N, C-alpha and C. Protein backbone atom coordinates (compact mmCIF):
# COMPACT_ATOMS: atom_id res chain seq x y z
N MET A 1 139.39 285.61 304.38
CA MET A 1 139.33 286.81 303.21
C MET A 1 139.29 285.58 301.75
N VAL A 2 138.76 285.73 301.02
CA VAL A 2 138.86 285.41 300.01
C VAL A 2 139.76 286.43 298.96
N TYR A 3 140.83 285.68 298.00
CA TYR A 3 141.39 286.62 297.25
C TYR A 3 141.40 286.06 295.93
N LEU A 4 141.19 287.33 295.32
CA LEU A 4 141.59 287.37 293.80
C LEU A 4 142.39 287.68 293.12
N GLY A 5 143.45 287.29 292.67
CA GLY A 5 144.43 288.00 291.98
C GLY A 5 145.81 287.91 292.95
N MET A 6 146.53 289.35 293.13
CA MET A 6 147.67 289.43 293.68
C MET A 6 147.64 290.18 294.74
N ASP A 7 148.61 289.59 296.31
CA ASP A 7 148.67 290.43 297.44
C ASP A 7 150.37 290.93 296.65
N VAL A 8 150.27 292.12 296.12
CA VAL A 8 151.40 292.95 295.50
C VAL A 8 152.56 292.97 296.40
N ASP A 9 151.73 293.87 298.14
CA ASP A 9 153.18 294.02 299.24
C ASP A 9 153.58 292.55 299.38
N ARG A 10 152.86 291.70 299.41
CA ARG A 10 152.97 290.49 300.48
C ARG A 10 153.90 289.64 299.02
N VAL A 11 153.81 289.58 298.25
CA VAL A 11 154.41 288.96 297.07
C VAL A 11 155.88 289.73 297.07
N SER A 12 155.91 290.87 297.09
CA SER A 12 157.24 291.49 297.19
C SER A 12 158.05 291.29 298.34
N GLU A 13 157.55 291.13 299.42
CA GLU A 13 158.08 290.66 300.35
C GLU A 13 158.76 289.11 300.23
N LEU A 14 157.86 288.10 299.64
CA LEU A 14 158.24 287.19 299.37
C LEU A 14 159.44 286.55 298.66
N ALA A 15 159.47 287.81 297.31
CA ALA A 15 160.51 287.68 296.42
C ALA A 15 161.91 288.29 297.29
N LYS A 16 161.63 289.00 298.31
CA LYS A 16 162.52 289.50 298.60
C LYS A 16 163.49 288.38 299.55
N GLN A 17 162.61 287.28 300.07
CA GLN A 17 163.04 286.32 301.04
C GLN A 17 163.55 285.51 300.11
N LEU A 18 163.11 285.31 299.01
CA LEU A 18 163.67 284.29 298.10
C LEU A 18 164.86 284.73 297.51
N HIS A 19 164.90 286.12 297.44
CA HIS A 19 166.38 286.47 296.86
C HIS A 19 167.44 286.53 297.75
N HIS A 20 167.27 286.70 299.20
CA HIS A 20 168.26 286.72 300.07
C HIS A 20 168.70 285.20 300.21
N ARG A 21 167.46 284.25 299.97
CA ARG A 21 167.86 282.48 300.33
C ARG A 21 168.70 282.25 299.20
N VAL A 22 168.15 282.69 297.88
CA VAL A 22 169.61 282.57 296.60
C VAL A 22 170.93 283.18 296.76
N SER A 23 170.81 284.18 297.55
CA SER A 23 172.52 284.77 297.85
C SER A 23 173.04 283.91 299.16
N ALA A 24 172.63 283.61 299.86
CA ALA A 24 172.64 282.23 300.73
C ALA A 24 173.33 281.07 300.29
N LEU A 25 172.37 280.57 299.51
CA LEU A 25 172.93 279.52 298.52
C LEU A 25 174.42 279.67 297.79
N LYS A 26 174.21 281.17 297.32
CA LYS A 26 175.69 281.06 296.17
C LYS A 26 176.56 281.60 297.55
N SER A 27 176.32 281.99 298.75
CA SER A 27 177.44 281.81 299.48
C SER A 27 177.65 280.67 300.06
N ALA A 28 176.94 280.13 300.74
CA ALA A 28 177.47 278.30 300.76
C ALA A 28 177.74 277.75 300.14
N GLY A 29 177.62 277.58 298.64
CA GLY A 29 178.25 277.29 297.65
C GLY A 29 179.63 277.57 297.49
N ALA A 30 180.13 278.56 297.62
CA ALA A 30 181.07 279.26 297.09
C ALA A 30 182.48 279.01 298.27
N SER A 31 181.71 279.28 299.58
CA SER A 31 182.49 278.58 300.78
C SER A 31 182.88 277.22 300.95
N THR A 32 182.07 276.26 300.51
CA THR A 32 181.86 275.19 300.49
C THR A 32 183.38 274.49 299.50
N GLY A 33 183.22 275.00 298.18
CA GLY A 33 183.94 274.98 297.55
C GLY A 33 185.56 275.27 297.78
N VAL A 34 185.92 275.97 298.57
CA VAL A 34 186.93 276.60 298.92
C VAL A 34 187.54 275.48 299.92
N ILE A 35 186.73 274.95 301.14
CA ILE A 35 187.17 274.29 301.98
C ILE A 35 187.44 272.51 301.60
N VAL A 36 186.39 272.97 300.35
CA VAL A 36 186.56 271.16 299.41
C VAL A 36 188.44 271.14 298.78
N GLU A 37 188.55 272.47 298.27
CA GLU A 37 189.64 272.71 297.54
C GLU A 37 190.99 272.77 298.57
N ARG A 38 190.61 272.69 299.61
CA ARG A 38 191.60 273.16 300.63
C ARG A 38 192.00 271.07 301.28
N LEU A 39 191.08 270.73 301.32
CA LEU A 39 191.09 269.28 301.53
C LEU A 39 192.46 268.53 300.77
N ARG A 40 192.72 269.06 299.56
CA ARG A 40 194.07 268.79 298.81
C ARG A 40 195.07 268.55 299.36
N THR A 41 195.06 269.57 300.16
CA THR A 41 196.56 270.07 300.80
C THR A 41 196.88 269.33 302.28
N HIS A 42 195.63 268.66 303.28
CA HIS A 42 195.28 267.59 303.92
C HIS A 42 194.92 266.11 303.52
N TRP A 43 194.82 265.84 302.82
CA TRP A 43 194.66 264.80 302.50
C TRP A 43 195.03 264.04 301.03
N ASP A 44 195.61 262.88 301.01
CA ASP A 44 196.21 262.34 299.83
C ASP A 44 195.80 261.15 299.77
N GLY A 45 195.48 260.45 298.60
CA GLY A 45 195.51 258.98 298.36
C GLY A 45 193.94 258.52 297.53
N PRO A 46 193.76 257.21 297.51
CA PRO A 46 192.29 256.99 296.66
C PRO A 46 191.45 257.46 296.95
N GLU A 47 190.88 257.42 298.28
CA GLU A 47 189.87 257.98 299.13
C GLU A 47 189.44 259.37 298.80
N ALA A 48 190.96 260.18 298.64
CA ALA A 48 190.88 261.81 298.59
C ALA A 48 190.27 261.72 297.23
N ALA A 49 191.21 261.07 296.10
CA ALA A 49 190.32 261.43 294.64
C ALA A 49 189.12 260.98 294.69
N ASP A 50 188.95 259.92 295.34
CA ASP A 50 187.32 259.56 295.20
C ASP A 50 186.55 260.67 295.55
N PHE A 51 186.60 261.32 296.49
CA PHE A 51 186.03 262.34 297.08
C PHE A 51 185.61 263.59 296.80
N LEU A 52 187.32 264.00 296.18
CA LEU A 52 187.24 265.15 295.42
C LEU A 52 186.47 265.22 293.61
N GLY A 53 186.56 263.69 293.00
CA GLY A 53 186.18 263.31 292.00
C GLY A 53 184.54 263.52 292.09
N GLU A 54 184.00 263.05 293.56
CA GLU A 54 182.70 262.88 293.44
C GLU A 54 182.24 264.19 293.73
N TRP A 55 182.94 265.16 294.89
CA TRP A 55 182.22 266.08 294.74
C TRP A 55 182.68 267.37 293.53
N HIS A 56 183.37 267.23 292.29
CA HIS A 56 183.43 267.79 291.20
C HIS A 56 182.71 267.23 290.15
N GLN A 57 182.07 266.29 290.38
CA GLN A 57 181.17 265.48 289.04
C GLN A 57 179.53 265.49 289.83
N ARG A 58 179.67 265.23 290.89
CA ARG A 58 178.15 265.69 291.41
C ARG A 58 177.45 266.47 292.05
N TYR A 59 178.36 266.29 293.25
CA TYR A 59 177.71 267.41 294.15
C TYR A 59 178.09 269.11 294.09
N ARG A 60 178.98 269.40 293.55
CA ARG A 60 179.09 270.55 293.04
C ARG A 60 178.17 271.07 291.71
N PRO A 61 177.86 270.26 290.70
CA PRO A 61 176.80 270.88 289.81
C PRO A 61 175.60 270.50 290.62
N ALA A 62 175.39 270.02 291.29
CA ALA A 62 174.04 269.73 291.56
C ALA A 62 173.40 271.06 292.64
N GLY A 63 174.50 271.52 293.29
CA GLY A 63 174.51 272.80 294.02
C GLY A 63 174.48 274.23 293.08
N GLN A 64 174.83 273.99 292.37
CA GLN A 64 174.84 275.12 291.27
C GLN A 64 173.62 275.00 290.45
N SER A 65 173.11 273.93 290.14
CA SER A 65 171.84 273.60 289.37
C SER A 65 170.68 273.68 290.45
N ALA A 66 170.72 273.79 291.80
CA ALA A 66 169.72 274.62 292.64
C ALA A 66 169.90 276.05 292.74
N VAL A 67 170.80 276.53 292.79
CA VAL A 67 170.84 278.19 292.35
C VAL A 67 170.58 278.58 291.42
N ALA A 68 170.93 278.25 290.39
CA ALA A 68 170.52 278.50 288.95
C ALA A 68 169.10 278.36 288.98
N GLY A 69 168.33 277.25 289.46
CA GLY A 69 167.28 277.25 288.97
C GLY A 69 166.32 277.57 289.92
N SER A 70 166.91 278.40 291.10
CA SER A 70 166.13 279.62 292.37
C SER A 70 165.74 280.55 291.25
N TYR A 71 164.33 281.41 291.53
CA TYR A 71 164.16 282.70 290.99
C TYR A 71 165.04 283.59 292.07
N THR A 72 165.80 284.61 290.86
CA THR A 72 166.61 285.53 291.59
C THR A 72 165.70 286.86 290.96
N HIS A 73 164.82 286.82 290.66
CA HIS A 73 164.35 288.15 290.30
C HIS A 73 162.49 288.02 289.90
N LEU A 74 162.15 288.61 290.35
CA LEU A 74 160.62 288.70 290.43
C LEU A 74 160.07 290.11 289.97
N THR A 75 159.80 289.91 289.13
CA THR A 75 158.84 291.04 288.12
C THR A 75 157.30 291.19 288.69
N LEU A 76 156.85 292.09 289.22
CA LEU A 76 155.67 292.24 289.80
C LEU A 76 154.87 293.10 288.56
N PRO A 77 153.42 292.80 288.25
CA PRO A 77 152.69 293.72 287.34
C PRO A 77 152.38 294.80 288.01
N THR A 78 152.70 296.03 287.04
CA THR A 78 152.62 297.33 287.74
C THR A 78 151.34 297.82 287.18
N SER A 79 150.23 297.62 286.29
CA SER A 79 149.35 297.99 285.86
C SER A 79 148.46 296.65 285.71
N GLY A 80 147.00 297.18 285.85
CA GLY A 80 146.13 296.38 285.74
C GLY A 80 145.52 295.61 286.86
N LEU A 81 145.84 295.94 288.50
CA LEU A 81 145.73 295.15 289.95
C LEU A 81 144.60 295.75 290.25
N VAL A 82 143.47 294.96 290.50
CA VAL A 82 142.43 295.09 291.29
C VAL A 82 142.34 295.66 292.63
């Protein structure tokens, strides 16, 4: 089938899937952050400081950026559909 325009039902379903994936990313980032912070009570020394510094300066911002760059809402046209 050749398609011109948007299959609104399919795009709506994909938007829901995307929303769920973004929510999962947010949850994973939050729980990972909690675990990393718990390391402070079980790991000390220069390697721990290096790891935690790397986490806070590089990995956590990268994860936050991935979530922020994700589409959390998709507004579909409600008129003019053929």
